[in-house]
Amino acid sequence: MTGARRSWTDGSLSGRSFLKPHRAAWAVFHPAWIPQALDPTVERLKRGRVVAGAVAAVGVYTFVEGGFAFEEMLENTAIASAVLFFLTPVTVGVMLFVWRRTGTVGQLKRPLLDSLKLLLLFIGCVMTTVGIFRSSEMFGLVPRMLLTLLGLWMAFFVMAGAVRLSGNFFGSAAVHRCLPPLLATVTTWLMAVPDLITGDLHGLSLTMGIVFILGAPVTVTGLALLEMRRLKRRYGIRLAAHPATLPPTPAGAPSQAPPQGNPYGHPQGNPYGQPYAPHPGQPYQPYPQGDPYGSYRAHNGQNPYGG
């Protein structure tokens, strides 16, 4: 990190955080550079996307297995990570192709690289967790116990991180506010379609299997559309528009300070600035040269995305 930028966690990660894996995951997988939600409604829609996917997934295993199938969930997380490794760059690449008429990739270089780092970090943690559990069987009793404890810590860390990433979707909101709902929709459908095609209904009847399998993508899609609709109507943020061409948030937008208990808030601010929020103290003044990332430039004297 350069001196002009804050640390990845903005000081929210300490040695004590590692005593509780969910706190460590909260800091690591929602870095300080991810912009905060524009208003409470958008935040609630984000959380709805997370809950919809989690309830649908856990519901299948609870119904079929009569309990929580930990190992199967872990293996599926590894498979989902591999899918995300290919799916996320492809989806973002398609949007870059759409945005090419009104802006350049260079303007988005920094947030794209940071999002890629977050994606690779999560995939690395998932694969490490799976490797720890599988390798523990090769050792004696004491090493196996130690590896099991480490594996359990990593498992809780990864699961908490997955919940965190379901809301910010690898920090893609730093690139464009509409990318998280878009990526969440594409991912849930891609994970559900193979089960329908292969007939893998997790032991359920045809009707119940379809309900459980399609429950997540249908619900996530509906919430994602509502989220993007609100962003468009209230803030003028359109998915098809290059981020550099988007207007600043109107003066009536809520304060960017997160409410107490907001898991996506960062009390020390966002090092990228608020790309869609007005300048403090200048609610009606447009960004210089129409650049929605002007707040960062004003503090650092440079374009944050290299444009």
Foldseek 3Di string as FASTA:
>chain_A
DDPLFADFQNPQDDPVLLVALLSVLLRNLQGQQQAFDQDVVLLVLLLQLLVQQVCLVQVLCCVQVVDGPLVVVLVVVLVLLVVCLPLVVVVVVVLQVLAVVPDHVLLQAVQVVQLNVSSVVLNVLSVVLVVLQVCLVVDDDVSSVVSVVVSVSSSVNSVSNVSSCLRCVSSCVSQPVLVSLVSSLVSLVVVLVVCVVVVVLSPDDPVVSCCSSVSSNVSSNVSSVVSQVCCCPQQVGHSSHGLQQGWAHALPTDDSQDDPPSSNGDNVHHLQHNLRHDDVPCRPDTAVVSGSSNVNCVSVVDSPSND
